[in-house]
Amino acid sequence: MKITNWAGLLLTVTFLAGCYTEPVEIPEETVGLAPVYSDGDWKIIESQPPQPIIALNKIYYKDSLIFVGEAQKGIHIIDNRNPAEPERIAFISIQGNSDISIKGNLLYANNLADLVVLNISDINNVELVSRVEGAFPQSGATLPQGYFGFFECPDPALGTIVGWTEKTLQSPECWR
């Protein structure tokens, strides 16, 4: 019986030690991420002229068109009928977008926490077919996947977070 009690105690101590994290020393200044807040109505979705690709995200191919995600901003549309000379033809602005799927002429995407369905039969004039508000559990742009470091703590009073940008932070209070 005594061995069982010691084994249980050892297991409990090991488990609790795994829950302990070292206190983090907060630097006076460091490079980290800061939230980008919506500067308008983040629910507006529209076709725009081609834009430069800055932060490549997911790629989707359909009917000689390549749909290239721009992290947290929208989707670039590239005509790939001539693979030797692909041509950027449009950009669909969708704030907070991180994923898409296409079936027929319908494009399914996240618009921050909402699920939107767009008719893409005319790529230069996309139409919102439906919106399911709060379909996704997060309520803003989450930190980039795999990011570990300091970041500026979000302030809900400043609006909805539509993305993150790298900048020099002064005594940041948030990290992961």
N, C-alpha and C. Protein backbone atom coordinates (compact mmCIF):
# COMPACT_ATOMS: atom_id res chain seq x y z
N MET A 1 0.81 -1.19 0.00
CA MET A 1 0.00 0.00 0.00
C MET A 1 0.86 1.26 0.00
N LYS A 2 1.96 1.23 0.73
CA LYS A 2 2.79 2.42 0.82
C LYS A 2 3.35 2.82 -0.53
N ILE A 3 3.72 1.87 -1.38
CA ILE A 3 4.26 2.18 -2.71
C ILE A 3 3.20 2.89 -3.54
N THR A 4 1.95 2.46 -3.47
CA THR A 4 0.86 3.08 -4.21
C THR A 4 0.68 4.53 -3.77
N ASN A 5 0.73 4.80 -2.47
CA ASN A 5 0.58 6.18 -1.98
C ASN A 5 1.72 7.07 -2.45
N TRP A 6 2.95 6.54 -2.40
CA TRP A 6 4.10 7.32 -2.88
C TRP A 6 4.01 7.56 -4.37
N ALA A 7 3.58 6.58 -5.12
CA ALA A 7 3.44 6.72 -6.57
C ALA A 7 2.39 7.79 -6.89
N GLY A 8 1.30 7.77 -6.15
CA GLY A 8 0.24 8.77 -6.36
C GLY A 8 0.74 10.17 -6.02
N LEU A 9 1.49 10.29 -4.92
CA LEU A 9 2.04 11.58 -4.53
C LEU A 9 3.04 12.08 -5.57
N LEU A 10 3.91 11.20 -6.04
CA LEU A 10 4.90 11.56 -7.05
C LEU A 10 4.20 12.01 -8.34
N LEU A 11 3.17 11.30 -8.76
CA LEU A 11 2.41 11.65 -9.96
C LEU A 11 1.73 13.00 -9.81
N THR A 12 1.16 13.28 -8.64
CA THR A 12 0.49 14.56 -8.38
C THR A 12 1.49 15.71 -8.42
N VAL A 13 2.65 15.54 -7.77
CA VAL A 13 3.68 16.58 -7.75
C VAL A 13 4.19 16.83 -9.17
N THR A 14 4.42 15.79 -9.93
CA THR A 14 4.89 15.94 -11.32
C THR A 14 3.86 16.69 -12.15
N PHE A 15 2.60 16.35 -12.00
CA PHE A 15 1.52 17.01 -12.74
C PHE A 15 1.46 18.50 -12.39
N LEU A 16 1.49 18.82 -11.09
CA LEU A 16 1.40 20.22 -10.67
C LEU A 16 2.63 21.01 -11.10
N ALA A 17 3.80 20.39 -11.11
CA ALA A 17 5.01 21.08 -11.56
C ALA A 17 4.89 21.44 -13.03
N GLY A 18 4.22 20.64 -13.82
CA GLY A 18 4.01 20.93 -15.24
C GLY A 18 3.11 22.11 -15.46
N CYS A 19 2.28 22.46 -14.48
CA CYS A 19 1.37 23.60 -14.59
C CYS A 19 2.06 24.90 -14.25
N TYR A 20 3.19 24.85 -13.60
CA TYR A 20 3.89 26.06 -13.19
C TYR A 20 4.64 26.64 -14.37
N THR A 21 4.50 27.93 -14.60
CA THR A 21 5.26 28.59 -15.65
C THR A 21 6.12 29.67 -15.02
N GLU A 22 7.30 29.80 -15.57
CA GLU A 22 8.22 30.82 -15.07
C GLU A 22 7.61 32.20 -15.29
N PRO A 23 7.78 33.11 -14.33
CA PRO A 23 7.29 34.47 -14.56
C PRO A 23 8.05 35.09 -15.73
N VAL A 24 7.36 35.86 -16.54
CA VAL A 24 7.97 36.48 -17.71
C VAL A 24 8.45 37.87 -17.33
N GLU A 25 9.71 38.14 -17.67
CA GLU A 25 10.25 39.48 -17.43
C GLU A 25 9.80 40.37 -18.58
N ILE A 26 9.08 41.43 -18.27
CA ILE A 26 8.54 42.31 -19.30
C ILE A 26 9.61 43.33 -19.69
N PRO A 27 10.01 43.31 -20.97
CA PRO A 27 11.03 44.27 -21.41
C PRO A 27 10.44 45.68 -21.54
N GLU A 28 11.30 46.68 -21.42
CA GLU A 28 10.83 48.06 -21.61
C GLU A 28 10.44 48.30 -23.06
N GLU A 29 11.17 47.65 -23.97
CA GLU A 29 10.89 47.81 -25.40
C GLU A 29 11.23 46.51 -26.11
N THR A 30 10.33 46.07 -27.01
CA THR A 30 10.55 44.86 -27.78
C THR A 30 9.70 44.88 -29.04
N VAL A 31 10.07 44.08 -29.99
CA VAL A 31 9.26 43.95 -31.21
C VAL A 31 8.22 42.87 -30.95
N GLY A 32 6.99 43.17 -31.30
CA GLY A 32 5.89 42.23 -31.12
C GLY A 32 4.75 42.58 -32.05
N LEU A 33 3.58 42.09 -31.75
CA LEU A 33 2.41 42.33 -32.60
C LEU A 33 1.45 43.30 -31.93
N ALA A 34 0.82 44.12 -32.76
CA ALA A 34 -0.19 45.06 -32.28
C ALA A 34 -1.46 44.84 -33.10
N PRO A 35 -2.62 44.93 -32.46
CA PRO A 35 -3.87 44.73 -33.19
C PRO A 35 -4.13 45.86 -34.18
N VAL A 36 -4.75 45.49 -35.30
CA VAL A 36 -5.22 46.47 -36.28
C VAL A 36 -6.73 46.47 -36.14
N TYR A 37 -7.28 47.63 -35.82
CA TYR A 37 -8.71 47.75 -35.62
C TYR A 37 -9.40 48.20 -36.90
N SER A 38 -10.62 47.77 -37.09
CA SER A 38 -11.41 48.16 -38.26
C SER A 38 -11.54 49.67 -38.29
N ASP A 39 -11.32 50.25 -39.49
CA ASP A 39 -11.45 51.70 -39.62
C ASP A 39 -12.76 52.06 -40.30
N GLY A 40 -13.69 51.16 -40.24
CA GLY A 40 -14.99 51.40 -40.85
C GLY A 40 -15.88 50.21 -40.61
N ASP A 41 -16.82 50.00 -41.50
CA ASP A 41 -17.72 48.87 -41.38
C ASP A 41 -17.04 47.61 -41.91
N TRP A 42 -16.60 46.73 -41.02
CA TRP A 42 -15.88 45.53 -41.42
C TRP A 42 -16.77 44.54 -42.16
N LYS A 43 -18.07 44.77 -42.18
CA LYS A 43 -18.98 43.86 -42.88
C LYS A 43 -19.11 44.17 -44.37
N ILE A 44 -18.52 45.28 -44.82
CA ILE A 44 -18.60 45.62 -46.24
C ILE A 44 -17.67 44.69 -47.03
N ILE A 45 -18.24 44.04 -48.03
CA ILE A 45 -17.49 43.14 -48.91
C ILE A 45 -17.69 43.66 -50.32
N GLU A 46 -16.58 43.84 -51.05
CA GLU A 46 -16.71 44.38 -52.40
C GLU A 46 -15.57 43.95 -53.30
N SER A 47 -15.86 43.95 -54.60
CA SER A 47 -14.84 43.70 -55.61
C SER A 47 -14.05 44.98 -55.80
N GLN A 48 -12.76 44.84 -55.94
CA GLN A 48 -11.88 45.98 -56.17
C GLN A 48 -10.90 45.63 -57.27
N PRO A 49 -10.18 46.62 -57.78
CA PRO A 49 -9.13 46.32 -58.76
C PRO A 49 -8.04 45.46 -58.12
N PRO A 50 -7.20 44.84 -58.93
CA PRO A 50 -6.11 44.01 -58.37
C PRO A 50 -5.26 44.80 -57.38
N GLN A 51 -4.78 44.12 -56.35
CA GLN A 51 -3.94 44.70 -55.30
C GLN A 51 -2.63 43.90 -55.24
N PRO A 52 -1.57 44.52 -54.74
CA PRO A 52 -0.34 43.73 -54.55
C PRO A 52 -0.54 42.71 -53.43
N ILE A 53 0.07 41.55 -53.60
CA ILE A 53 0.00 40.50 -52.57
C ILE A 53 1.11 40.77 -51.55
N ILE A 54 0.70 40.94 -50.28
CA ILE A 54 1.67 41.26 -49.23
C ILE A 54 1.86 40.08 -48.28
N ALA A 55 0.76 39.53 -47.77
CA ALA A 55 0.84 38.44 -46.80
C ALA A 55 0.03 37.25 -47.33
N LEU A 56 0.68 36.41 -48.10
CA LEU A 56 0.04 35.26 -48.72
C LEU A 56 -0.57 34.33 -47.68
N ASN A 57 -1.79 33.88 -47.96
CA ASN A 57 -2.47 32.94 -47.07
C ASN A 57 -2.81 31.71 -47.90
N LYS A 58 -4.02 31.22 -47.83
CA LYS A 58 -4.41 30.00 -48.54
C LYS A 58 -4.67 30.26 -50.02
N ILE A 59 -4.55 29.19 -50.81
CA ILE A 59 -4.77 29.27 -52.25
C ILE A 59 -5.84 28.26 -52.65
N TYR A 60 -6.72 28.68 -53.55
CA TYR A 60 -7.81 27.83 -54.03
C TYR A 60 -7.86 27.97 -55.55
N TYR A 61 -8.03 26.86 -56.27
CA TYR A 61 -8.06 26.87 -57.74
C TYR A 61 -9.43 26.41 -58.22
N LYS A 62 -10.02 27.17 -59.20
CA LYS A 62 -11.31 26.80 -59.78
C LYS A 62 -11.43 27.39 -61.18
N ASP A 63 -11.71 26.55 -62.15
CA ASP A 63 -11.99 26.99 -63.52
C ASP A 63 -10.96 27.99 -64.05
N SER A 64 -9.70 27.66 -64.01
CA SER A 64 -8.59 28.50 -64.48
C SER A 64 -8.40 29.77 -63.68
N LEU A 65 -9.07 29.90 -62.55
CA LEU A 65 -8.87 31.05 -61.68
C LEU A 65 -8.20 30.58 -60.39
N ILE A 66 -7.25 31.38 -59.94
CA ILE A 66 -6.59 31.12 -58.66
C ILE A 66 -7.09 32.16 -57.68
N PHE A 67 -7.58 31.70 -56.55
CA PHE A 67 -8.06 32.56 -55.47
C PHE A 67 -6.98 32.52 -54.38
N VAL A 68 -6.32 33.65 -54.18
CA VAL A 68 -5.20 33.72 -53.24
C VAL A 68 -5.60 34.57 -52.04
N GLY A 69 -5.58 33.97 -50.87
CA GLY A 69 -5.94 34.71 -49.66
C GLY A 69 -4.86 35.70 -49.26
N GLU A 70 -5.28 36.89 -48.92
CA GLU A 70 -4.41 37.92 -48.32
C GLU A 70 -4.81 37.96 -46.86
N ALA A 71 -3.91 37.50 -46.00
CA ALA A 71 -4.23 37.34 -44.58
C ALA A 71 -4.98 38.53 -44.00
N GLN A 72 -6.18 38.26 -43.51
CA GLN A 72 -7.04 39.21 -42.81
C GLN A 72 -7.60 40.33 -43.67
N LYS A 73 -7.36 40.33 -45.00
CA LYS A 73 -7.80 41.43 -45.85
C LYS A 73 -8.77 41.01 -46.94
N GLY A 74 -8.58 39.84 -47.53
CA GLY A 74 -9.46 39.43 -48.61
C GLY A 74 -8.83 38.41 -49.54
N ILE A 75 -9.30 38.42 -50.80
CA ILE A 75 -8.91 37.38 -51.74
C ILE A 75 -8.52 37.99 -53.08
N HIS A 76 -7.31 37.66 -53.55
CA HIS A 76 -6.84 38.08 -54.87
C HIS A 76 -7.35 37.06 -55.88
N ILE A 77 -7.78 37.53 -57.05
CA ILE A 77 -8.23 36.64 -58.11
C ILE A 77 -7.23 36.76 -59.26
N ILE A 78 -6.70 35.61 -59.67
CA ILE A 78 -5.69 35.56 -60.72
C ILE A 78 -6.19 34.66 -61.83
N ASP A 79 -6.18 35.18 -63.06
CA ASP A 79 -6.55 34.40 -64.25
C ASP A 79 -5.35 33.57 -64.65
N ASN A 80 -5.50 32.25 -64.65
CA ASN A 80 -4.38 31.35 -64.93
C ASN A 80 -4.61 30.54 -66.21
N ARG A 81 -5.39 31.09 -67.14
CA ARG A 81 -5.59 30.36 -68.41
C ARG A 81 -4.28 30.18 -69.14
N ASN A 82 -3.37 31.14 -68.99
CA ASN A 82 -2.03 31.02 -69.56
C ASN A 82 -1.06 30.94 -68.39
N PRO A 83 -0.74 29.73 -67.92
CA PRO A 83 0.12 29.59 -66.73
C PRO A 83 1.48 30.27 -66.85
N ALA A 84 1.95 30.48 -68.08
CA ALA A 84 3.24 31.16 -68.26
C ALA A 84 3.12 32.65 -67.93
N GLU A 85 1.90 33.20 -68.03
CA GLU A 85 1.68 34.62 -67.74
C GLU A 85 0.37 34.81 -66.97
N PRO A 86 0.33 34.41 -65.69
CA PRO A 86 -0.89 34.63 -64.91
C PRO A 86 -1.17 36.12 -64.77
N GLU A 87 -2.46 36.48 -64.75
CA GLU A 87 -2.85 37.89 -64.71
C GLU A 87 -3.77 38.15 -63.52
N ARG A 88 -3.38 39.11 -62.69
CA ARG A 88 -4.25 39.52 -61.58
C ARG A 88 -5.43 40.27 -62.16
N ILE A 89 -6.65 39.85 -61.80
CA ILE A 89 -7.81 40.50 -62.39
C ILE A 89 -8.71 41.21 -61.38
N ALA A 90 -8.67 40.84 -60.10
CA ALA A 90 -9.54 41.49 -59.12
C ALA A 90 -9.08 41.16 -57.70
N PHE A 91 -9.68 41.87 -56.76
CA PHE A 91 -9.46 41.62 -55.34
C PHE A 91 -10.82 41.73 -54.66
N ILE A 92 -11.16 40.75 -53.84
CA ILE A 92 -12.40 40.80 -53.08
C ILE A 92 -12.02 41.19 -51.65
N SER A 93 -12.45 42.35 -51.22
CA SER A 93 -12.14 42.85 -49.88
C SER A 93 -13.06 42.20 -48.86
N ILE A 94 -12.47 41.41 -47.95
CA ILE A 94 -13.20 40.75 -46.86
C ILE A 94 -12.33 40.89 -45.61
N GLN A 95 -12.64 41.86 -44.76
CA GLN A 95 -11.82 42.07 -43.57
C GLN A 95 -11.88 40.87 -42.64
N GLY A 96 -10.73 40.52 -42.09
CA GLY A 96 -10.63 39.43 -41.14
C GLY A 96 -10.70 38.05 -41.77
N ASN A 97 -10.57 37.95 -43.09
CA ASN A 97 -10.69 36.66 -43.77
C ASN A 97 -9.44 35.82 -43.58
N SER A 98 -9.66 34.52 -43.32
CA SER A 98 -8.53 33.60 -43.19
C SER A 98 -8.76 32.29 -43.94
N ASP A 99 -9.97 32.04 -44.43
CA ASP A 99 -10.22 30.78 -45.11
C ASP A 99 -11.37 30.92 -46.10
N ILE A 100 -11.32 30.13 -47.18
CA ILE A 100 -12.39 30.13 -48.17
C ILE A 100 -12.64 28.73 -48.67
N SER A 101 -13.81 28.56 -49.28
CA SER A 101 -14.17 27.34 -49.98
C SER A 101 -15.11 27.76 -51.11
N ILE A 102 -15.10 27.00 -52.20
CA ILE A 102 -15.94 27.35 -53.34
C ILE A 102 -16.69 26.12 -53.80
N LYS A 103 -17.98 26.32 -54.10
CA LYS A 103 -18.79 25.26 -54.69
C LYS A 103 -19.66 25.94 -55.75
N GLY A 104 -19.48 25.53 -57.00
CA GLY A 104 -20.21 26.17 -58.09
C GLY A 104 -19.80 27.63 -58.17
N ASN A 105 -20.77 28.52 -58.20
CA ASN A 105 -20.49 29.96 -58.24
C ASN A 105 -20.61 30.61 -56.87
N LEU A 106 -20.55 29.81 -55.81
CA LEU A 106 -20.66 30.35 -54.46
C LEU A 106 -19.32 30.21 -53.73
N LEU A 107 -18.88 31.31 -53.17
CA LEU A 107 -17.65 31.33 -52.39
C LEU A 107 -18.06 31.49 -50.92
N TYR A 108 -17.57 30.61 -50.09
CA TYR A 108 -17.83 30.63 -48.64
C TYR A 108 -16.56 31.15 -47.96
N ALA A 109 -16.72 32.13 -47.09
CA ALA A 109 -15.55 32.72 -46.44
C ALA A 109 -15.92 33.21 -45.05
N ASN A 110 -14.90 33.35 -44.21
CA ASN A 110 -15.16 34.00 -42.92
C ASN A 110 -14.88 35.48 -43.07
N ASN A 111 -15.74 36.27 -42.46
CA ASN A 111 -15.60 37.73 -42.38
C ASN A 111 -15.55 37.99 -40.87
N LEU A 112 -14.33 37.90 -40.31
CA LEU A 112 -14.11 37.84 -38.87
C LEU A 112 -14.91 36.66 -38.31
N ALA A 113 -15.88 36.89 -37.42
CA ALA A 113 -16.62 35.79 -36.80
C ALA A 113 -17.82 35.35 -37.62
N ASP A 114 -18.12 36.04 -38.72
CA ASP A 114 -19.29 35.69 -39.54
C ASP A 114 -18.91 34.79 -40.70
N LEU A 115 -19.84 33.94 -41.12
CA LEU A 115 -19.71 33.15 -42.34
C LEU A 115 -20.48 33.90 -43.42
N VAL A 116 -19.82 34.18 -44.54
CA VAL A 116 -20.48 34.85 -45.66
C VAL A 116 -20.47 33.95 -46.88
N VAL A 117 -21.54 34.06 -47.67
CA VAL A 117 -21.65 33.33 -48.93
C VAL A 117 -21.75 34.37 -50.02
N LEU A 118 -20.83 34.30 -51.00
CA LEU A 118 -20.78 35.28 -52.08
C LEU A 118 -21.04 34.62 -53.42
N ASN A 119 -21.81 35.28 -54.26
CA ASN A 119 -22.00 34.84 -55.64
C ASN A 119 -20.83 35.41 -56.44
N ILE A 120 -20.01 34.52 -57.02
CA ILE A 120 -18.82 34.96 -57.76
C ILE A 120 -18.96 34.72 -59.25
N SER A 121 -20.21 34.60 -59.75
CA SER A 121 -20.40 34.37 -61.19
C SER A 121 -19.85 35.55 -61.99
N ASP A 122 -19.87 36.77 -61.44
CA ASP A 122 -19.22 37.94 -62.05
C ASP A 122 -18.16 38.39 -61.05
N ILE A 123 -16.94 37.98 -61.30
CA ILE A 123 -15.85 38.20 -60.34
C ILE A 123 -15.58 39.69 -60.08
N ASN A 124 -15.96 40.55 -61.01
CA ASN A 124 -15.76 41.98 -60.84
C ASN A 124 -16.93 42.65 -60.12
N ASN A 125 -17.93 41.87 -59.78
CA ASN A 125 -19.10 42.41 -59.07
C ASN A 125 -19.68 41.32 -58.18
N VAL A 126 -18.93 40.92 -57.15
CA VAL A 126 -19.41 39.86 -56.26
C VAL A 126 -20.61 40.36 -55.48
N GLU A 127 -21.52 39.44 -55.18
CA GLU A 127 -22.73 39.79 -54.44
C GLU A 127 -22.82 38.93 -53.19
N LEU A 128 -23.17 39.56 -52.08
CA LEU A 128 -23.40 38.86 -50.83
C LEU A 128 -24.73 38.12 -50.93
N VAL A 129 -24.69 36.80 -50.79
CA VAL A 129 -25.91 35.97 -50.85
C VAL A 129 -26.49 35.82 -49.45
N SER A 130 -25.61 35.53 -48.49
CA SER A 130 -26.08 35.40 -47.11
C SER A 130 -24.94 35.60 -46.13
N ARG A 131 -25.32 35.85 -44.88
CA ARG A 131 -24.36 36.05 -43.79
C ARG A 131 -24.91 35.34 -42.56
N VAL A 132 -24.06 34.54 -41.92
CA VAL A 132 -24.42 33.90 -40.66
C VAL A 132 -23.56 34.57 -39.59
N GLU A 133 -24.18 35.44 -38.81
CA GLU A 133 -23.42 36.18 -37.80
C GLU A 133 -23.00 35.27 -36.65
N GLY A 134 -21.75 35.43 -36.22
CA GLY A 134 -21.22 34.68 -35.09
C GLY A 134 -21.05 33.20 -35.35
N ALA A 135 -20.87 32.80 -36.61
CA ALA A 135 -20.74 31.38 -36.94
C ALA A 135 -19.44 30.77 -36.41
N PHE A 136 -18.44 31.61 -36.17
CA PHE A 136 -17.16 31.14 -35.69
C PHE A 136 -16.93 31.66 -34.27
N PRO A 137 -16.29 30.88 -33.41
CA PRO A 137 -16.19 31.23 -32.00
C PRO A 137 -15.38 32.48 -31.68
N GLN A 138 -14.38 32.80 -32.48
CA GLN A 138 -13.58 33.99 -32.18
C GLN A 138 -14.35 35.25 -32.53
N SER A 139 -14.05 36.34 -31.86
CA SER A 139 -14.76 37.59 -32.11
C SER A 139 -13.83 38.64 -32.69
N GLY A 140 -12.89 38.23 -33.45
CA GLY A 140 -11.95 39.14 -34.08
C GLY A 140 -10.80 38.34 -34.63
N ALA A 141 -9.85 39.01 -35.23
CA ALA A 141 -8.71 38.32 -35.80
C ALA A 141 -7.85 37.75 -34.68
N THR A 142 -7.60 36.47 -34.73
CA THR A 142 -6.77 35.83 -33.71
C THR A 142 -5.30 36.08 -34.03
N LEU A 143 -4.45 35.89 -33.04
CA LEU A 143 -3.01 36.01 -33.27
C LEU A 143 -2.61 35.00 -34.35
N PRO A 144 -1.60 35.33 -35.14
CA PRO A 144 -1.17 34.40 -36.18
C PRO A 144 -0.85 33.02 -35.61
N GLN A 145 -1.17 32.00 -36.39
CA GLN A 145 -0.94 30.62 -35.96
C GLN A 145 0.54 30.41 -35.68
N GLY A 146 0.82 29.81 -34.56
CA GLY A 146 2.21 29.50 -34.20
C GLY A 146 2.97 30.69 -33.62
N TYR A 147 2.31 31.82 -33.41
CA TYR A 147 3.01 32.99 -32.86
C TYR A 147 3.18 32.85 -31.36
N PHE A 148 4.41 33.03 -30.91
CA PHE A 148 4.70 33.05 -29.48
C PHE A 148 5.61 34.25 -29.24
N GLY A 149 5.16 35.14 -28.39
CA GLY A 149 5.94 36.33 -28.09
C GLY A 149 5.04 37.38 -27.47
N PHE A 150 5.55 38.61 -27.42
CA PHE A 150 4.80 39.71 -26.83
C PHE A 150 3.84 40.32 -27.84
N PHE A 151 2.72 40.84 -27.34
CA PHE A 151 1.78 41.55 -28.19
C PHE A 151 1.05 42.60 -27.37
N GLU A 152 0.52 43.59 -28.07
CA GLU A 152 -0.25 44.64 -27.41
C GLU A 152 -1.61 44.07 -27.04
N CYS A 153 -2.00 44.23 -25.81
CA CYS A 153 -3.28 43.69 -25.35
C CYS A 153 -4.43 44.35 -26.11
N PRO A 154 -5.37 43.55 -26.60
CA PRO A 154 -6.52 44.12 -27.31
C PRO A 154 -7.37 45.00 -26.39
N ASP A 155 -7.93 46.05 -26.97
CA ASP A 155 -8.81 46.96 -26.25
C ASP A 155 -10.15 47.00 -26.97
N PRO A 156 -11.17 46.30 -26.45
CA PRO A 156 -12.48 46.26 -27.11
C PRO A 156 -13.08 47.63 -27.35
N ALA A 157 -12.69 48.63 -26.58
CA ALA A 157 -13.23 49.98 -26.76
C ALA A 157 -12.75 50.61 -28.07
N LEU A 158 -11.67 50.07 -28.66
CA LEU A 158 -11.14 50.62 -29.90
C LEU A 158 -11.79 50.01 -31.14
N GLY A 159 -12.64 48.99 -30.96
CA GLY A 159 -13.35 48.40 -32.09
C GLY A 159 -12.98 46.94 -32.29
N THR A 160 -13.31 46.45 -33.46
CA THR A 160 -13.08 45.06 -33.83
C THR A 160 -11.69 44.88 -34.43
N ILE A 161 -10.98 43.87 -33.97
CA ILE A 161 -9.64 43.58 -34.50
C ILE A 161 -9.81 42.85 -35.83
N VAL A 162 -9.17 43.42 -36.88
CA VAL A 162 -9.26 42.81 -38.21
C VAL A 162 -7.92 42.23 -38.66
N GLY A 163 -6.89 42.37 -37.84
CA GLY A 163 -5.58 41.83 -38.19
C GLY A 163 -4.55 42.22 -37.14
N TRP A 164 -3.31 41.85 -37.42
CA TRP A 164 -2.19 42.15 -36.52
C TRP A 164 -1.03 42.66 -37.35
N THR A 165 -0.23 43.56 -36.76
CA THR A 165 0.94 44.08 -37.44
C THR A 165 2.12 44.08 -36.48
N GLU A 166 3.31 43.91 -37.04
CA GLU A 166 4.52 43.91 -36.21
C GLU A 166 4.93 45.35 -35.95
N LYS A 167 5.27 45.64 -34.69
CA LYS A 167 5.75 46.97 -34.34
C LYS A 167 6.55 46.91 -33.05
N THR A 168 7.23 48.01 -32.73
CA THR A 168 7.97 48.10 -31.48
C THR A 168 6.99 48.43 -30.37
N LEU A 169 6.99 47.60 -29.33
CA LEU A 169 6.06 47.75 -28.21
C LEU A 169 6.81 48.28 -26.99
N GLN A 170 6.13 49.12 -26.22
CA GLN A 170 6.68 49.67 -24.98
C GLN A 170 6.06 48.91 -23.80
N SER A 171 6.86 48.23 -23.02
CA SER A 171 6.42 47.48 -21.85
C SER A 171 5.11 46.71 -22.07
N PRO A 172 5.11 45.77 -23.02
CA PRO A 172 3.88 45.02 -23.32
C PRO A 172 3.45 44.17 -22.15
N GLU A 173 2.16 44.08 -21.95
CA GLU A 173 1.61 43.32 -20.83
C GLU A 173 1.03 41.97 -21.24
N CYS A 174 0.97 41.71 -22.54
CA CYS A 174 0.41 40.45 -23.02
C CYS A 174 1.47 39.65 -23.77
N TRP A 175 1.43 38.33 -23.61
CA TRP A 175 2.36 37.43 -24.30
C TRP A 175 1.75 36.04 -24.32
N ARG A 176 2.27 35.23 -25.20
CA ARG A 176 1.97 33.80 -25.20
C ARG A 176 3.11 33.06 -25.83
